[in-house]
Amino acid sequence: MRALAPARADGLGATAGRPRTPPATAALVIGLLVTLAALGPARGVIAFGLAGASISTLGMLARRRIGGYTGDVLGAFEQIGEIVMLLTAAGQ
């Protein structure tokens, strides 16, 4: 949400606003720390990296196809990230 622009000015994604850098950075750090605590250092870094790569790929696709994010795209980001984290955690 911080890296993309809204695809439409009147959509729900646009009305959610755009997070400022300090809160976005804090959320990123908290997410990383929770991932590392839950999965351990090695698996946590792998899960976080794979989730980031998956979400970045989806973001590039959304930018190319519709010009940014919508509320549905933001929901897809969350779902993809969660699925990748769960698959990484399950692969022991």
PDB file of N, CA and C in Angstrom:
ATOM      1  N   MET A   1       0.828  -1.179   0.000  1.00  0.00           N
ATOM      2  CA  MET A   1       0.000   0.000   0.000  1.00  0.00           C
ATOM      3  C   MET A   1       0.873   1.242   0.000  1.00  0.00           C
ATOM      4  N   ARG A   2       2.021   1.138   0.615  1.00  0.00           N
ATOM      5  CA  ARG A   2       2.942   2.281   0.656  1.00  0.00           C
ATOM      6  C   ARG A   2       3.636   2.456  -0.681  1.00  0.00           C
ATOM      7  N   ALA A   3       3.883   1.373  -1.394  1.00  0.00           N
ATOM      8  CA  ALA A   3       4.677   1.423  -2.630  1.00  0.00           C
ATOM      9  C   ALA A   3       3.834   1.640  -3.882  1.00  0.00           C
ATOM     10  N   LEU A   4       2.531   1.382  -3.810  1.00  0.00           N
ATOM     11  CA  LEU A   4       1.661   1.520  -4.984  1.00  0.00           C
ATOM     12  C   LEU A   4       0.713   2.695  -4.810  1.00  0.00           C
ATOM     13  N   ALA A   5       0.208   3.167  -5.918  1.00  0.00           N
ATOM     14  CA  ALA A   5      -0.841   4.185  -5.908  1.00  0.00           C
ATOM     15  C   ALA A   5      -2.189   3.490  -6.056  1.00  0.00           C
ATOM     16  N   PRO A   6      -3.256   4.110  -5.579  1.00  0.00           N
ATOM     17  CA  PRO A   6      -4.581   3.528  -5.805  1.00  0.00           C
ATOM     18  C   PRO A   6      -4.909   3.475  -7.292  1.00  0.00           C
ATOM     19  N   ALA A   7      -5.569   2.418  -7.710  1.00  0.00           N
ATOM     20  CA  ALA A   7      -5.929   2.258  -9.122  1.00  0.00           C
ATOM     21  C   ALA A   7      -7.041   3.219  -9.521  1.00  0.00           C
ATOM     22  N   ARG A   8      -7.945   3.505  -8.574  1.00  0.00           N
ATOM     23  CA  ARG A   8      -9.054   4.420  -8.846  1.00  0.00           C
ATOM     24  C   ARG A   8      -9.159   5.410  -7.694  1.00  0.00           C
ATOM     25  N   ALA A   9      -9.498   6.627  -8.007  1.00  0.00           N
ATOM     26  CA  ALA A   9      -9.615   7.653  -6.975  1.00  0.00           C
ATOM     27  C   ALA A   9     -10.863   7.485  -6.115  1.00  0.00           C
ATOM     28  N   ASP A  10     -11.871   6.783  -6.627  1.00  0.00           N
ATOM     29  CA  ASP A  10     -13.125   6.659  -5.900  1.00  0.00           C
ATOM     30  C   ASP A  10     -13.342   5.289  -5.262  1.00  0.00           C
ATOM     31  N   GLY A  11     -12.364   4.414  -5.315  1.00  0.00           N
ATOM     32  CA  GLY A  11     -12.529   3.071  -4.777  1.00  0.00           C
ATOM     33  C   GLY A  11     -12.259   2.991  -3.281  1.00  0.00           C
ATOM     34  N   LEU A  12     -12.597   1.851  -2.689  1.00  0.00           N
ATOM     35  CA  LEU A  12     -12.367   1.655  -1.258  1.00  0.00           C
ATOM     36  C   LEU A  12     -10.883   1.654  -0.907  1.00  0.00           C
ATOM     37  N   GLY A  13     -10.056   1.143  -1.794  1.00  0.00           N
ATOM     38  CA  GLY A  13      -8.614   1.158  -1.541  1.00  0.00           C
ATOM     39  C   GLY A  13      -8.092   2.570  -1.408  1.00  0.00           C
ATOM     40  N   ALA A  14      -8.590   3.476  -2.240  1.00  0.00           N
ATOM     41  CA  ALA A  14      -8.142   4.874  -2.192  1.00  0.00           C
ATOM     42  C   ALA A  14      -8.637   5.570  -0.936  1.00  0.00           C
ATOM     43  N   THR A  15      -9.850   5.240  -0.496  1.00  0.00           N
ATOM     44  CA  THR A  15     -10.382   5.901   0.696  1.00  0.00           C
ATOM     45  C   THR A  15      -9.690   5.434   1.975  1.00  0.00           C
ATOM     46  N   ALA A  16      -8.999   4.314   1.929  1.00  0.00           N
ATOM     47  CA  ALA A  16      -8.250   3.844   3.096  1.00  0.00           C
ATOM     48  C   ALA A  16      -7.058   4.743   3.385  1.00  0.00           C
ATOM     49  N   GLY A  17      -6.636   5.511   2.390  1.00  0.00           N
ATOM     50  CA  GLY A  17      -5.501   6.402   2.576  1.00  0.00           C
ATOM     51  C   GLY A  17      -4.183   5.701   2.295  1.00  0.00           C
ATOM     52  N   ARG A  18      -3.122   6.423   2.509  1.00  0.00           N
ATOM     53  CA  ARG A  18      -1.782   5.893   2.280  1.00  0.00           C
ATOM     54  C   ARG A  18      -0.983   6.034   3.567  1.00  0.00           C
ATOM     55  N   PRO A  19      -0.448   4.961   4.095  1.00  0.00           N
ATOM     56  CA  PRO A  19       0.263   5.063   5.379  1.00  0.00           C
ATOM     57  C   PRO A  19       1.535   5.898   5.247  1.00  0.00           C
ATOM     58  N   ARG A  20       1.832   6.618   6.308  1.00  0.00           N
ATOM     59  CA  ARG A  20       3.094   7.369   6.357  1.00  0.00           C
ATOM     60  C   ARG A  20       4.234   6.385   6.592  1.00  0.00           C
ATOM     61  N   THR A  21       5.444   6.831   6.337  1.00  0.00           N
ATOM     62  CA  THR A  21       6.617   5.950   6.437  1.00  0.00           C
ATOM     63  C   THR A  21       6.865   5.419   7.849  1.00  0.00           C
ATOM     64  N   PRO A  22       6.843   6.252   8.920  1.00  0.00           N
ATOM     65  CA  PRO A  22       7.144   5.690  10.255  1.00  0.00           C
ATOM     66  C   PRO A  22       6.193   4.567  10.689  1.00  0.00           C
ATOM     67  N   PRO A  23       4.864   4.727  10.563  1.00  0.00           N
ATOM     68  CA  PRO A  23       4.005   3.607  10.953  1.00  0.00           C
ATOM     69  C   PRO A  23       4.174   2.381  10.052  1.00  0.00           C
ATOM     70  N   ALA A  24       4.421   2.592   8.761  1.00  0.00           N
ATOM     71  CA  ALA A  24       4.625   1.458   7.850  1.00  0.00           C
ATOM     72  C   ALA A  24       5.899   0.711   8.222  1.00  0.00           C
ATOM     73  N   THR A  25       6.942   1.449   8.571  1.00  0.00           N
ATOM     74  CA  THR A  25       8.197   0.820   8.983  1.00  0.00           C
ATOM     75  C   THR A  25       8.019   0.065  10.294  1.00  0.00           C
ATOM     76  N   ALA A  26       7.287   0.659  11.239  1.00  0.00           N
ATOM     77  CA  ALA A  26       7.025  -0.012  12.516  1.00  0.00           C
ATOM     78  C   ALA A  26       6.251  -1.309  12.298  1.00  0.00           C
ATOM     79  N   ALA A  27       5.253  -1.292  11.424  1.00  0.00           N
ATOM     80  CA  ALA A  27       4.490  -2.509  11.131  1.00  0.00           C
ATOM     81  C   ALA A  27       5.375  -3.577  10.512  1.00  0.00           C
ATOM     82  N   LEU A  28       6.272  -3.177   9.626  1.00  0.00           N
ATOM     83  CA  LEU A  28       7.195  -4.115   8.998  1.00  0.00           C
ATOM     84  C   LEU A  28       8.110  -4.766  10.037  1.00  0.00           C
ATOM     85  N   VAL A  29       8.650  -3.966  10.939  1.00  0.00           N
ATOM     86  CA  VAL A  29       9.551  -4.487  11.976  1.00  0.00           C
ATOM     87  C   VAL A  29       8.799  -5.416  12.930  1.00  0.00           C
ATOM     88  N   ILE A  30       7.605  -5.023  13.341  1.00  0.00           N
ATOM     89  CA  ILE A  30       6.812  -5.866  14.237  1.00  0.00           C
ATOM     90  C   ILE A  30       6.483  -7.200  13.556  1.00  0.00           C
ATOM     91  N   GLY A  31       6.090  -7.155  12.296  1.00  0.00           N
ATOM     92  CA  GLY A  31       5.802  -8.385  11.559  1.00  0.00           C
ATOM     93  C   GLY A  31       7.014  -9.291  11.458  1.00  0.00           C
ATOM     94  N   LEU A  32       8.172  -8.698  11.208  1.00  0.00           N
ATOM     95  CA  LEU A  32       9.400  -9.493  11.129  1.00  0.00           C
ATOM     96  C   LEU A  32       9.725 -10.127  12.476  1.00  0.00           C
ATOM     97  N   LEU A  33       9.618  -9.360  13.557  1.00  0.00           N
ATOM     98  CA  LEU A  33       9.936  -9.898  14.881  1.00  0.00           C
ATOM     99  C   LEU A  33       8.988 -11.028  15.283  1.00  0.00           C
ATOM    100  N   VAL A  34       7.710 -10.866  14.985  1.00  0.00           N
ATOM    101  CA  VAL A  34       6.740 -11.927  15.299  1.00  0.00           C
ATOM    102  C   VAL A  34       7.037 -13.175  14.473  1.00  0.00           C
ATOM    103  N   THR A  35       7.363 -12.987  13.201  1.00  0.00           N
ATOM    104  CA  THR A  35       7.692 -14.125  12.337  1.00  0.00           C
ATOM    105  C   THR A  35       8.919 -14.861  12.850  1.00  0.00           C
ATOM    106  N   LEU A  36       9.953 -14.109  13.225  1.00  0.00           N
ATOM    107  CA  LEU A  36      11.175 -14.729  13.741  1.00  0.00           C
ATOM    108  C   LEU A  36      10.908 -15.457  15.054  1.00  0.00           C
ATOM    109  N   ALA A  37      10.091 -14.873  15.925  1.00  0.00           N
ATOM    110  CA  ALA A  37       9.779 -15.507  17.205  1.00  0.00           C
ATOM    111  C   ALA A  37       8.954 -16.776  17.010  1.00  0.00           C
ATOM    112  N   ALA A  38       8.033 -16.753  16.059  1.00  0.00           N
ATOM    113  CA  ALA A  38       7.149 -17.896  15.855  1.00  0.00           C
ATOM    114  C   ALA A  38       7.821 -19.042  15.108  1.00  0.00           C
ATOM    115  N   LEU A  39       8.659 -18.706  14.134  1.00  0.00           N
ATOM    116  CA  LEU A  39       9.222 -19.749  13.267  1.00  0.00           C
ATOM    117  C   LEU A  39      10.707 -20.010  13.489  1.00  0.00           C
ATOM    118  N   GLY A  40      11.348 -19.218  14.309  1.00  0.00           N
ATOM    119  CA  GLY A  40      12.790 -19.345  14.490  1.00  0.00           C
ATOM    120  C   GLY A  40      13.509 -18.502  13.449  1.00  0.00           C
ATOM    121  N   PRO A  41      14.789 -18.247  13.684  1.00  0.00           N
ATOM    122  CA  PRO A  41      15.523 -17.334  12.809  1.00  0.00           C
ATOM    123  C   PRO A  41      15.603 -17.775  11.351  1.00  0.00           C
ATOM    124  N   ALA A  42      15.999 -18.992  11.102  1.00  0.00           N
ATOM    125  CA  ALA A  42      16.206 -19.435   9.715  1.00  0.00           C
ATOM    126  C   ALA A  42      14.888 -19.514   8.949  1.00  0.00           C
ATOM    127  N   ARG A  43      13.926 -20.246   9.498  1.00  0.00           N
ATOM    128  CA  ARG A  43      12.639 -20.403   8.816  1.00  0.00           C
ATOM    129  C   ARG A  43      11.890 -19.071   8.768  1.00  0.00           C
ATOM    130  N   GLY A  44      12.056 -18.235   9.788  1.00  0.00           N
ATOM    131  CA  GLY A  44      11.398 -16.931   9.810  1.00  0.00           C
ATOM    132  C   GLY A  44      11.884 -16.020   8.694  1.00  0.00           C
ATOM    133  N   VAL A  45      13.189 -15.996   8.483  1.00  0.00           N
ATOM    134  CA  VAL A  45      13.744 -15.169   7.399  1.00  0.00           C
ATOM    135  C   VAL A  45      13.271 -15.686   6.042  1.00  0.00           C
ATOM    136  N   ILE A  46      13.244 -17.003   5.895  1.00  0.00           N
ATOM    137  CA  ILE A  46      12.770 -17.587   4.630  1.00  0.00           C
ATOM    138  C   ILE A  46      11.304 -17.231   4.399  1.00  0.00           C
ATOM    139  N   ALA A  47      10.462 -17.409   5.428  1.00  0.00           N
ATOM    140  CA  ALA A  47       9.031 -17.112   5.293  1.00  0.00           C
ATOM    141  C   ALA A  47       8.799 -15.641   4.976  1.00  0.00           C
ATOM    142  N   PHE A  48       9.492 -14.764   5.683  1.00  0.00           N
ATOM    143  CA  PHE A  48       9.319 -13.330   5.474  1.00  0.00           C
ATOM    144  C   PHE A  48       9.783 -12.931   4.077  1.00  0.00           C
ATOM    145  N   GLY A  49      10.898 -13.494   3.638  1.00  0.00           N
ATOM    146  CA  GLY A  49      11.409 -13.195   2.300  1.00  0.00           C
ATOM    147  C   GLY A  49      10.496 -13.697   1.198  1.00  0.00           C
ATOM    148  N   LEU A  50       9.995 -14.922   1.349  1.00  0.00           N
ATOM    149  CA  LEU A  50       9.075 -15.469   0.343  1.00  0.00           C
ATOM    150  C   LEU A  50       7.763 -14.696   0.296  1.00  0.00           C
ATOM    151  N   ALA A  51       7.249 -14.332   1.468  1.00  0.00           N
ATOM    152  CA  ALA A  51       6.010 -13.553   1.503  1.00  0.00           C
ATOM    153  C   ALA A  51       6.228 -12.187   0.844  1.00  0.00           C
ATOM    154  N   GLY A  52       7.349 -11.546   1.156  1.00  0.00           N
ATOM    155  CA  GLY A  52       7.656 -10.254   0.542  1.00  0.00           C
ATOM    156  C   GLY A  52       7.798 -10.347  -0.963  1.00  0.00           C
ATOM    157  N   ALA A  53       8.468 -11.392  -1.428  1.00  0.00           N
ATOM    158  CA  ALA A  53       8.638 -11.575  -2.870  1.00  0.00           C
ATOM    159  C   ALA A  53       7.297 -11.846  -3.550  1.00  0.00           C
ATOM    160  N   SER A  54       6.455 -12.638  -2.916  1.00  0.00           N
ATOM    161  CA  SER A  54       5.138 -12.947  -3.490  1.00  0.00           C
ATOM    162  C   SER A  54       4.265 -11.702  -3.573  1.00  0.00           C
ATOM    163  N   ILE A  55       4.255 -10.918  -2.502  1.00  0.00           N
ATOM    164  CA  ILE A  55       3.453  -9.698  -2.489  1.00  0.00           C
ATOM    165  C   ILE A  55       4.006  -8.676  -3.474  1.00  0.00           C
ATOM    166  N   SER A  56       5.317  -8.577  -3.573  1.00  0.00           N
ATOM    167  CA  SER A  56       5.919  -7.654  -4.548  1.00  0.00           C
ATOM    168  C   SER A  56       5.561  -8.043  -5.977  1.00  0.00           C
ATOM    169  N   THR A  57       5.580  -9.337  -6.257  1.00  0.00           N
ATOM    170  CA  THR A  57       5.198  -9.812  -7.593  1.00  0.00           C
ATOM    171  C   THR A  57       3.746  -9.479  -7.897  1.00  0.00           C
ATOM    172  N   LEU A  58       2.861  -9.698  -6.920  1.00  0.00           N
ATOM    173  CA  LEU A  58       1.465  -9.347  -7.111  1.00  0.00           C
ATOM    174  C   LEU A  58       1.301  -7.836  -7.284  1.00  0.00           C
ATOM    175  N   GLY A  59       2.085  -7.051  -6.567  1.00  0.00           N
ATOM    176  CA  GLY A  59       2.046  -5.599  -6.715  1.00  0.00           C
ATOM    177  C   GLY A  59       2.460  -5.145  -8.102  1.00  0.00           C
ATOM    178  N   MET A  60       3.503  -5.768  -8.647  1.00  0.00           N
ATOM    179  CA  MET A  60       3.929  -5.427 -10.016  1.00  0.00           C
ATOM    180  C   MET A  60       2.837  -5.792 -11.018  1.00  0.00           C
ATOM    181  N   LEU A  61       2.198  -6.932 -10.802  1.00  0.00           N
ATOM    182  CA  LEU A  61       1.112  -7.346 -11.683  1.00  0.00           C
ATOM    183  C   LEU A  61      -0.067  -6.364 -11.600  1.00  0.00           C
ATOM    184  N   ALA A  62      -0.416  -5.957 -10.380  1.00  0.00           N
ATOM    185  CA  ALA A  62      -1.517  -5.002 -10.204  1.00  0.00           C
ATOM    186  C   ALA A  62      -1.189  -3.658 -10.849  1.00  0.00           C
ATOM    187  N   ARG A  63       0.044  -3.213 -10.722  1.00  0.00           N
ATOM    188  CA  ARG A  63       0.444  -1.948 -11.344  1.00  0.00           C
ATOM    189  C   ARG A  63       0.333  -2.047 -12.867  1.00  0.00           C
ATOM    190  N   ARG A  64       0.782  -3.155 -13.419  1.00  0.00           N
ATOM    191  CA  ARG A  64       0.774  -3.319 -14.871  1.00  0.00           C
ATOM    192  C   ARG A  64      -0.638  -3.487 -15.418  1.00  0.00           C
ATOM    193  N   ARG A  65      -1.478  -4.244 -14.717  1.00  0.00           N
ATOM    194  CA  ARG A  65      -2.801  -4.565 -15.250  1.00  0.00           C
ATOM    195  C   ARG A  65      -3.860  -3.496 -14.964  1.00  0.00           C
ATOM    196  N   ILE A  66      -3.859  -2.930 -13.743  1.00  0.00           N
ATOM    197  CA  ILE A  66      -4.913  -1.980 -13.399  1.00  0.00           C
ATOM    198  C   ILE A  66      -4.392  -0.633 -12.908  1.00  0.00           C
ATOM    199  N   GLY A  67      -3.086  -0.464 -12.858  1.00  0.00           N
ATOM    200  CA  GLY A  67      -2.509   0.825 -12.499  1.00  0.00           C
ATOM    201  C   GLY A  67      -2.290   1.065 -11.021  1.00  0.00           C
ATOM    202  N   GLY A  68      -2.469   0.066 -10.186  1.00  0.00           N
ATOM    203  CA  GLY A  68      -2.248   0.243  -8.754  1.00  0.00           C
ATOM    204  C   GLY A  68      -3.057  -0.761  -7.952  1.00  0.00           C
ATOM    205  N   TYR A  69      -3.465  -0.340  -6.751  1.00  0.00           N
ATOM    206  CA  TYR A  69      -4.202  -1.263  -5.890  1.00  0.00           C
ATOM    207  C   TYR A  69      -5.657  -0.818  -5.730  1.00  0.00           C
ATOM    208  N   THR A  70      -6.479  -1.801  -5.450  1.00  0.00           N
ATOM    209  CA  THR A  70      -7.868  -1.591  -5.045  1.00  0.00           C
ATOM    210  C   THR A  70      -8.035  -2.284  -3.697  1.00  0.00           C
ATOM    211  N   GLY A  71      -9.204  -2.194  -3.122  1.00  0.00           N
ATOM    212  CA  GLY A  71      -9.458  -2.913  -1.879  1.00  0.00           C
ATOM    213  C   GLY A  71      -9.285  -4.415  -2.051  1.00  0.00           C
ATOM    214  N   ASP A  72      -9.706  -4.927  -3.187  1.00  0.00           N
ATOM    215  CA  ASP A  72      -9.551  -6.365  -3.449  1.00  0.00           C
ATOM    216  C   ASP A  72      -8.082  -6.755  -3.573  1.00  0.00           C
ATOM    217  N   VAL A  73      -7.291  -5.901  -4.179  1.00  0.00           N
ATOM    218  CA  VAL A  73      -5.856  -6.184  -4.310  1.00  0.00           C
ATOM    219  C   VAL A  73      -5.207  -6.182  -2.927  1.00  0.00           C
ATOM    220  N   LEU A  74      -5.581  -5.250  -2.070  1.00  0.00           N
ATOM    221  CA  LEU A  74      -5.033  -5.234  -0.713  1.00  0.00           C
ATOM    222  C   LEU A  74      -5.405  -6.511   0.038  1.00  0.00           C
ATOM    223  N   GLY A  75      -6.636  -6.973  -0.142  1.00  0.00           N
ATOM    224  CA  GLY A  75      -7.043  -8.236   0.469  1.00  0.00           C
ATOM    225  C   GLY A  75      -6.250  -9.406  -0.074  1.00  0.00           C
ATOM    226  N   ALA A  76      -5.978  -9.388  -1.360  1.00  0.00           N
ATOM    227  CA  ALA A  76      -5.172 -10.452  -1.966  1.00  0.00           C
ATOM    228  C   ALA A  76      -3.746 -10.432  -1.420  1.00  0.00           C
ATOM    229  N   PHE A  77      -3.194  -9.235  -1.208  1.00  0.00           N
ATOM    230  CA  PHE A  77      -1.854  -9.134  -0.607  1.00  0.00           C
ATOM    231  C   PHE A  77      -1.826  -9.848   0.741  1.00  0.00           C
ATOM    232  N   GLU A  78      -2.826  -9.588   1.565  1.00  0.00           N
ATOM    233  CA  GLU A  78      -2.883 -10.198   2.891  1.00  0.00           C
ATOM    234  C   GLU A  78      -3.008 -11.713   2.787  1.00  0.00           C
ATOM    235  N   GLN A  79      -3.883 -12.182   1.916  1.00  0.00           N
ATOM    236  CA  GLN A  79      -4.105 -13.618   1.777  1.00  0.00           C
ATOM    237  C   GLN A  79      -2.853 -14.328   1.258  1.00  0.00           C
ATOM    238  N   ILE A  80      -2.217 -13.769   0.251  1.00  0.00           N
ATOM    239  CA  ILE A  80      -0.996 -14.362  -0.311  1.00  0.00           C
ATOM    240  C   ILE A  80       0.094 -14.424   0.755  1.00  0.00           C
ATOM    241  N   GLY A  81       0.277 -13.317   1.480  1.00  0.00           N
ATOM    242  CA  GLY A  81       1.293 -13.304   2.534  1.00  0.00           C
ATOM    243  C   GLY A  81       1.030 -14.349   3.597  1.00  0.00           C
ATOM    244  N   GLU A  82      -0.210 -14.463   4.020  1.00  0.00           N
ATOM    245  CA  GLU A  82      -0.560 -15.441   5.046  1.00  0.00           C
ATOM    246  C   GLU A  82      -0.373 -16.863   4.550  1.00  0.00           C
ATOM    247  N   ILE A  83      -0.793 -17.151   3.338  1.00  0.00           N
ATOM    248  CA  ILE A  83      -0.640 -18.497   2.782  1.00  0.00           C
ATOM    249  C   ILE A  83       0.826 -18.882   2.674  1.00  0.00           C
ATOM    250  N   VAL A  84       1.649 -17.970   2.197  1.00  0.00           N
ATOM    251  CA  VAL A  84       3.080 -18.256   2.068  1.00  0.00           C
ATOM    252  C   VAL A  84       3.696 -18.511   3.447  1.00  0.00           C
ATOM    253  N   MET A  85       3.328 -17.718   4.431  1.00  0.00           N
ATOM    254  CA  MET A  85       3.850 -17.918   5.797  1.00  0.00           C
ATOM    255  C   MET A  85       3.414 -19.275   6.340  1.00  0.00           C
ATOM    256  N   LEU A  86       2.151 -19.629   6.161  1.00  0.00           N
ATOM    257  CA  LEU A  86       1.649 -20.908   6.680  1.00  0.00           C
ATOM    258  C   LEU A  86       2.300 -22.098   5.976  1.00  0.00           C
ATOM    259  N   LEU A  87       2.473 -21.995   4.656  1.00  0.00           N
ATOM    260  CA  LEU A  87       3.136 -23.083   3.924  1.00  0.00           C
ATOM    261  C   LEU A  87       4.587 -23.240   4.385  1.00  0.00           C
ATOM    262  N   THR A  88       5.253 -22.127   4.611  1.00  0.00           N
ATOM    263  CA  THR A  88       6.645 -22.199   5.091  1.00  0.00           C
ATOM    264  C   THR A  88       6.692 -22.812   6.481  1.00  0.00           C
ATOM    265  N   ALA A  89       5.773 -22.422   7.339  1.00  0.00           N
ATOM    266  CA  ALA A  89       5.740 -22.976   8.695  1.00  0.00           C
ATOM    267  C   ALA A  89       5.424 -24.465   8.689  1.00  0.00           C
ATOM    268  N   ALA A  90       4.570 -24.897   7.764  1.00  0.00           N
ATOM    269  CA  ALA A  90       4.175 -26.304   7.710  1.00  0.00           C
ATOM    270  C   ALA A  90       5.249 -27.202   7.099  1.00  0.00           C
ATOM    271  N   GLY A  91       6.164 -26.645   6.356  1.00  0.00           N
ATOM    272  CA  GLY A  91       7.162 -27.446   5.665  1.00  0.00           C
ATOM    273  C   GLY A  91       8.335 -27.841   6.535  1.00  0.00           C
ATOM    274  N   GLN A  92       8.080 -28.530   7.640  1.00  0.00           N
ATOM    275  CA  GLN A  92       9.175 -28.910   8.539  1.00  0.00           C
ATOM    276  C   GLN A  92       9.635 -30.307   8.278  1.00  0.00           C
TER     277      GLN A  92
END
